[in-house]
Amino acid sequence: MNEAYFSVGVALLLTLGAVIVATSTIKIAKEYERGVVFRLGRLITLRGPGLFFIFPFGIDHVRK
């Protein structure tokens, strides 16, 4: 019985971790916005309107 609870807990933690990573990776710019992507403080690229992906956890930073 304890093994079942353990496996459910691990599955919930992995799912929660995947959701957190996905939300910090996906960025959306509106039609009238442009995103400037900085990687570790240096300018990398400009992103136009729409959906784009960045590296999470402080590696990439977006300014709109």
PDB file of N, CA and C in Angstrom:
ATOM      1  N   MET A   1       0.817  -1.184   0.000  1.00  0.00           N
ATOM      2  CA  MET A   1       0.000   0.000   0.000  1.00  0.00           C
ATOM      3  C   MET A   1       0.866   1.255   0.000  1.00  0.00           C
ATOM      4  N   ASN A   2       1.930   1.265   0.770  1.00  0.00           N
ATOM      5  CA  ASN A   2       2.819   2.429   0.831  1.00  0.00           C
ATOM      6  C   ASN A   2       3.530   2.668  -0.493  1.00  0.00           C
ATOM      7  N   GLU A   3       3.834   1.596  -1.215  1.00  0.00           N
ATOM      8  CA  GLU A   3       4.507   1.749  -2.505  1.00  0.00           C
ATOM      9  C   GLU A   3       3.604   2.449  -3.510  1.00  0.00           C
ATOM     10  N   ALA A   4       2.309   2.191  -3.439  1.00  0.00           N
ATOM     11  CA  ALA A   4       1.372   2.849  -4.345  1.00  0.00           C
ATOM     12  C   ALA A   4       1.318   4.349  -4.064  1.00  0.00           C
ATOM     13  N   TYR A   5       1.276   4.722  -2.788  1.00  0.00           N
ATOM     14  CA  TYR A   5       1.273   6.145  -2.435  1.00  0.00           C
ATOM     15  C   TYR A   5       2.568   6.819  -2.858  1.00  0.00           C
ATOM     16  N   PHE A   6       3.676   6.111  -2.705  1.00  0.00           N
ATOM     17  CA  PHE A   6       4.972   6.665  -3.098  1.00  0.00           C
ATOM     18  C   PHE A   6       5.017   6.924  -4.599  1.00  0.00           C
ATOM     19  N   SER A   7       4.555   5.968  -5.402  1.00  0.00           N
ATOM     20  CA  SER A   7       4.610   6.140  -6.853  1.00  0.00           C
ATOM     21  C   SER A   7       3.666   7.249  -7.318  1.00  0.00           C
ATOM     22  N   VAL A   8       2.512   7.395  -6.668  1.00  0.00           N
ATOM     23  CA  VAL A   8       1.601   8.477  -7.003  1.00  0.00           C
ATOM     24  C   VAL A   8       2.223   9.815  -6.630  1.00  0.00           C
ATOM     25  N   GLY A   9       2.896   9.888  -5.496  1.00  0.00           N
ATOM     26  CA  GLY A   9       3.559  11.123  -5.078  1.00  0.00           C
ATOM     27  C   GLY A   9       4.672  11.524  -6.022  1.00  0.00           C
ATOM     28  N   VAL A  10       5.451  10.549  -6.450  1.00  0.00           N
ATOM     29  CA  VAL A  10       6.534  10.830  -7.394  1.00  0.00           C
ATOM     30  C   VAL A  10       5.965  11.311  -8.718  1.00  0.00           C
ATOM     31  N   ALA A  11       4.894  10.681  -9.175  1.00  0.00           N
ATOM     32  CA  ALA A  11       4.267  11.095 -10.433  1.00  0.00           C
ATOM     33  C   ALA A  11       3.732  12.526 -10.325  1.00  0.00           C
ATOM     34  N   LEU A  12       3.131  12.872  -9.203  1.00  0.00           N
ATOM     35  CA  LEU A  12       2.635  14.232  -9.017  1.00  0.00           C
ATOM     36  C   LEU A  12       3.765  15.255  -8.992  1.00  0.00           C
ATOM     37  N   LEU A  13       4.858  14.919  -8.326  1.00  0.00           N
ATOM     38  CA  LEU A  13       6.003  15.836  -8.285  1.00  0.00           C
ATOM     39  C   LEU A  13       6.617  16.029  -9.667  1.00  0.00           C
ATOM     40  N   LEU A  14       6.731  14.956 -10.432  1.00  0.00           N
ATOM     41  CA  LEU A  14       7.281  15.077 -11.785  1.00  0.00           C
ATOM     42  C   LEU A  14       6.364  15.900 -12.684  1.00  0.00           C
ATOM     43  N   THR A  15       5.068  15.703 -12.550  1.00  0.00           N
ATOM     44  CA  THR A  15       4.116  16.478 -13.337  1.00  0.00           C
ATOM     45  C   THR A  15       4.175  17.954 -12.965  1.00  0.00           C
ATOM     46  N   LEU A  16       4.229  18.237 -11.688  1.00  0.00           N
ATOM     47  CA  LEU A  16       4.329  19.623 -11.229  1.00  0.00           C
ATOM     48  C   LEU A  16       5.618  20.266 -11.730  1.00  0.00           C
ATOM     49  N   GLY A  17       6.723  19.537 -11.680  1.00  0.00           N
ATOM     50  CA  GLY A  17       7.991  20.050 -12.191  1.00  0.00           C
ATOM     51  C   GLY A  17       7.946  20.332 -13.684  1.00  0.00           C
ATOM     52  N   ALA A  18       7.294  19.454 -14.440  1.00  0.00           N
ATOM     53  CA  ALA A  18       7.174  19.655 -15.885  1.00  0.00           C
ATOM     54  C   ALA A  18       6.328  20.887 -16.199  1.00  0.00           C
ATOM     55  N   VAL A  19       5.276  21.110 -15.429  1.00  0.00           N
ATOM     56  CA  VAL A  19       4.432  22.291 -15.644  1.00  0.00           C
ATOM     57  C   VAL A  19       5.201  23.566 -15.330  1.00  0.00           C
ATOM     58  N   ILE A  20       5.984  23.560 -14.272  1.00  0.00           N
ATOM     59  CA  ILE A  20       6.776  24.740 -13.908  1.00  0.00           C
ATOM     60  C   ILE A  20       7.805  25.054 -14.986  1.00  0.00           C
ATOM     61  N   VAL A  21       8.487  24.040 -15.482  1.00  0.00           N
ATOM     62  CA  VAL A  21       9.482  24.260 -16.542  1.00  0.00           C
ATOM     63  C   VAL A  21       8.811  24.763 -17.811  1.00  0.00           C
ATOM     64  N   ALA A  22       7.658  24.202 -18.160  1.00  0.00           N
ATOM     65  CA  ALA A  22       6.966  24.626 -19.380  1.00  0.00           C
ATOM     66  C   ALA A  22       6.510  26.072 -19.292  1.00  0.00           C
ATOM     67  N   THR A  23       6.001  26.485 -18.136  1.00  0.00           N
ATOM     68  CA  THR A  23       5.532  27.864 -18.014  1.00  0.00           C
ATOM     69  C   THR A  23       6.676  28.864 -17.999  1.00  0.00           C
ATOM     70  N   SER A  24       7.843  28.469 -17.542  1.00  0.00           N
ATOM     71  CA  SER A  24       8.967  29.398 -17.549  1.00  0.00           C
ATOM     72  C   SER A  24       9.718  29.380 -18.880  1.00  0.00           C
ATOM     73  N   THR A  25       9.416  28.434 -19.754  1.00  0.00           N
ATOM     74  CA  THR A  25      10.087  28.324 -21.047  1.00  0.00           C
ATOM     75  C   THR A  25       9.316  29.015 -22.159  1.00  0.00           C
ATOM     76  N   ILE A  26       8.004  28.970 -22.110  1.00  0.00           N
ATOM     77  CA  ILE A  26       7.166  29.499 -23.180  1.00  0.00           C
ATOM     78  C   ILE A  26       6.842  30.968 -22.907  1.00  0.00           C
ATOM     79  N   LYS A  27       7.086  31.810 -23.883  1.00  0.00           N
ATOM     80  CA  LYS A  27       6.763  33.241 -23.788  1.00  0.00           C
ATOM     81  C   LYS A  27       5.890  33.622 -24.970  1.00  0.00           C
ATOM     82  N   ILE A  28       5.007  34.593 -24.760  1.00  0.00           N
ATOM     83  CA  ILE A  28       4.105  35.054 -25.808  1.00  0.00           C
ATOM     84  C   ILE A  28       4.206  36.572 -25.904  1.00  0.00           C
ATOM     85  N   ALA A  29       4.425  37.057 -27.117  1.00  0.00           N
ATOM     86  CA  ALA A  29       4.434  38.497 -27.375  1.00  0.00           C
ATOM     87  C   ALA A  29       3.195  38.831 -28.198  1.00  0.00           C
ATOM     88  N   LYS A  30       2.500  39.880 -27.817  1.00  0.00           N
ATOM     89  CA  LYS A  30       1.290  40.301 -28.533  1.00  0.00           C
ATOM     90  C   LYS A  30       1.665  40.925 -29.877  1.00  0.00           C
ATOM     91  N   GLU A  31       0.652  41.228 -30.681  1.00  0.00           N
ATOM     92  CA  GLU A  31       0.882  41.751 -32.029  1.00  0.00           C
ATOM     93  C   GLU A  31       1.742  42.996 -32.053  1.00  0.00           C
ATOM     94  N   TYR A  32       1.566  43.855 -31.089  1.00  0.00           N
ATOM     95  CA  TYR A  32       2.258  45.139 -31.077  1.00  0.00           C
ATOM     96  C   TYR A  32       3.538  45.102 -30.245  1.00  0.00           C
ATOM     97  N   GLU A  33       3.938  43.944 -29.768  1.00  0.00           N
ATOM     98  CA  GLU A  33       5.133  43.836 -28.924  1.00  0.00           C
ATOM     99  C   GLU A  33       6.269  43.133 -29.656  1.00  0.00           C
ATOM    100  N   ARG A  34       7.462  43.426 -29.225  1.00  0.00           N
ATOM    101  CA  ARG A  34       8.655  42.711 -29.669  1.00  0.00           C
ATOM    102  C   ARG A  34       9.389  42.280 -28.418  1.00  0.00           C
ATOM    103  N   GLY A  35      10.027  41.135 -28.480  1.00  0.00           N
ATOM    104  CA  GLY A  35      10.777  40.650 -27.335  1.00  0.00           C
ATOM    105  C   GLY A  35      12.269  40.685 -27.617  1.00  0.00           C
ATOM    106  N   VAL A  36      13.020  41.196 -26.680  1.00  0.00           N
ATOM    107  CA  VAL A  36      14.480  41.199 -26.778  1.00  0.00           C
ATOM    108  C   VAL A  36      14.983  40.130 -25.834  1.00  0.00           C
ATOM    109  N   VAL A  37      15.720  39.160 -26.367  1.00  0.00           N
ATOM    110  CA  VAL A  37      16.183  38.031 -25.567  1.00  0.00           C
ATOM    111  C   VAL A  37      17.632  38.255 -25.164  1.00  0.00           C
ATOM    112  N   PHE A  38      17.865  38.210 -23.870  1.00  0.00           N
ATOM    113  CA  PHE A  38      19.208  38.304 -23.314  1.00  0.00           C
ATOM    114  C   PHE A  38      19.594  36.940 -22.749  1.00  0.00           C
ATOM    115  N   ARG A  39      20.771  36.492 -23.051  1.00  0.00           N
ATOM    116  CA  ARG A  39      21.290  35.261 -22.470  1.00  0.00           C
ATOM    117  C   ARG A  39      22.485  35.621 -21.602  1.00  0.00           C
ATOM    118  N   LEU A  40      22.303  35.406 -20.308  1.00  0.00           N
ATOM    119  CA  LEU A  40      23.329  35.725 -19.305  1.00  0.00           C
ATOM    120  C   LEU A  40      23.778  37.179 -19.429  1.00  0.00           C
ATOM    121  N   GLY A  41      22.827  38.068 -19.720  1.00  0.00           N
ATOM    122  CA  GLY A  41      23.110  39.491 -19.763  1.00  0.00           C
ATOM    123  C   GLY A  41      23.506  40.039 -21.114  1.00  0.00           C
ATOM    124  N   ARG A  42      23.706  39.181 -22.100  1.00  0.00           N
ATOM    125  CA  ARG A  42      24.096  39.655 -23.433  1.00  0.00           C
ATOM    126  C   ARG A  42      22.940  39.519 -24.413  1.00  0.00           C
ATOM    127  N   LEU A  43      22.847  40.476 -25.309  1.00  0.00           N
ATOM    128  CA  LEU A  43      21.792  40.467 -26.314  1.00  0.00           C
ATOM    129  C   LEU A  43      21.987  39.275 -27.246  1.00  0.00           C
ATOM    130  N   ILE A  44      20.927  38.482 -27.415  1.00  0.00           N
ATOM    131  CA  ILE A  44      20.995  37.335 -28.313  1.00  0.00           C
ATOM    132  C   ILE A  44      20.213  37.607 -29.593  1.00  0.00           C
ATOM    133  N   THR A  45      18.919  37.925 -29.460  1.00  0.00           N
ATOM    134  CA  THR A  45      18.093  38.106 -30.640  1.00  0.00           C
ATOM    135  C   THR A  45      16.853  38.918 -30.311  1.00  0.00           C
ATOM    136  N   LEU A  46      16.196  39.375 -31.354  1.00  0.00           N
ATOM    137  CA  LEU A  46      14.890  40.011 -31.238  1.00  0.00           C
ATOM    138  C   LEU A  46      13.844  39.003 -31.673  1.00  0.00           C
ATOM    139  N   ARG A  47      12.732  38.964 -30.965  1.00  0.00           N
ATOM    140  CA  ARG A  47      11.639  38.067 -31.323  1.00  0.00           C
ATOM    141  C   ARG A  47      10.413  38.883 -31.644  1.00  0.00           C
ATOM    142  N   GLY A  48       9.752  38.516 -32.722  1.00  0.00           N
ATOM    143  CA  GLY A  48       8.540  39.204 -33.135  1.00  0.00           C
ATOM    144  C   GLY A  48       7.335  38.707 -32.369  1.00  0.00           C
ATOM    145  N   PRO A  49       6.163  39.151 -32.788  1.00  0.00           N
ATOM    146  CA  PRO A  49       4.950  38.735 -32.092  1.00  0.00           C
ATOM    147  C   PRO A  49       4.704  37.241 -32.254  1.00  0.00           C
ATOM    148  N   GLY A  50       4.103  36.651 -31.246  1.00  0.00           N
ATOM    149  CA  GLY A  50       3.769  35.239 -31.297  1.00  0.00           C
ATOM    150  C   GLY A  50       4.401  34.465 -30.149  1.00  0.00           C
ATOM    151  N   LEU A  51       4.440  33.168 -30.335  1.00  0.00           N
ATOM    152  CA  LEU A  51       4.935  32.231 -29.333  1.00  0.00           C
ATOM    153  C   LEU A  51       6.411  31.955 -29.576  1.00  0.00           C
ATOM    154  N   PHE A  52       7.229  31.996 -28.524  1.00  0.00           N
ATOM    155  CA  PHE A  52       8.623  31.612 -28.652  1.00  0.00           C
ATOM    156  C   PHE A  52       9.109  30.990 -27.358  1.00  0.00           C
ATOM    157  N   PHE A  53      10.211  30.299 -27.458  1.00  0.00           N
ATOM    158  CA  PHE A  53      10.758  29.548 -26.336  1.00  0.00           C
ATOM    159  C   PHE A  53      12.097  30.125 -25.915  1.00  0.00           C
ATOM    160  N   ILE A  54      12.371  30.080 -24.609  1.00  0.00           N
ATOM    161  CA  ILE A  54      13.652  30.520 -24.066  1.00  0.00           C
ATOM    162  C   ILE A  54      14.155  29.460 -23.103  1.00  0.00           C
ATOM    163  N   PHE A  55      15.411  29.545 -22.736  1.00  0.00           N
ATOM    164  CA  PHE A  55      15.957  28.667 -21.710  1.00  0.00           C
ATOM    165  C   PHE A  55      15.485  29.154 -20.342  1.00  0.00           C
ATOM    166  N   PRO A  56      14.999  28.269 -19.501  1.00  0.00           N
ATOM    167  CA  PRO A  56      14.421  28.695 -18.213  1.00  0.00           C
ATOM    168  C   PRO A  56      15.476  28.926 -17.133  1.00  0.00           C
ATOM    169  N   PHE A  57      14.999  29.401 -15.994  1.00  0.00           N
ATOM    170  CA  PHE A  57      15.748  29.530 -14.741  1.00  0.00           C
ATOM    171  C   PHE A  57      16.912  30.507 -14.818  1.00  0.00           C
ATOM    172  N   GLY A  58      16.680  31.655 -15.434  1.00  0.00           N
ATOM    173  CA  GLY A  58      17.668  32.719 -15.401  1.00  0.00           C
ATOM    174  C   GLY A  58      18.740  32.670 -16.462  1.00  0.00           C
ATOM    175  N   ILE A  59      18.727  31.682 -17.328  1.00  0.00           N
ATOM    176  CA  ILE A  59      19.722  31.648 -18.404  1.00  0.00           C
ATOM    177  C   ILE A  59      19.345  32.681 -19.452  1.00  0.00           C
ATOM    178  N   ASP A  60      18.082  32.664 -19.883  1.00  0.00           N
ATOM    179  CA  ASP A  60      17.569  33.652 -20.818  1.00  0.00           C
ATOM    180  C   ASP A  60      16.585  34.559 -20.098  1.00  0.00           C
ATOM    181  N   HIS A  61      16.564  35.811 -20.517  1.00  0.00           N
ATOM    182  CA  HIS A  61      15.640  36.793 -19.963  1.00  0.00           C
ATOM    183  C   HIS A  61      15.050  37.577 -21.113  1.00  0.00           C
ATOM    184  N   VAL A  62      13.730  37.830 -21.065  1.00  0.00           N
ATOM    185  CA  VAL A  62      13.054  38.531 -22.151  1.00  0.00           C
ATOM    186  C   VAL A  62      12.539  39.873 -21.640  1.00  0.00           C
ATOM    187  N   ARG A  63      12.798  40.902 -22.429  1.00  0.00           N
ATOM    188  CA  ARG A  63      12.231  42.223 -22.178  1.00  0.00           C
ATOM    189  C   ARG A  63      11.318  42.540 -23.337  1.00  0.00           C
ATOM    190  N   LYS A  64      10.101  42.993 -23.043  1.00  0.00           N
ATOM    191  CA  LYS A  64       9.148  43.333 -24.114  1.00  0.00           C
ATOM    192  C   LYS A  64       9.110  44.829 -24.302  1.00  0.00           C
TER     193      LYS A  64
END
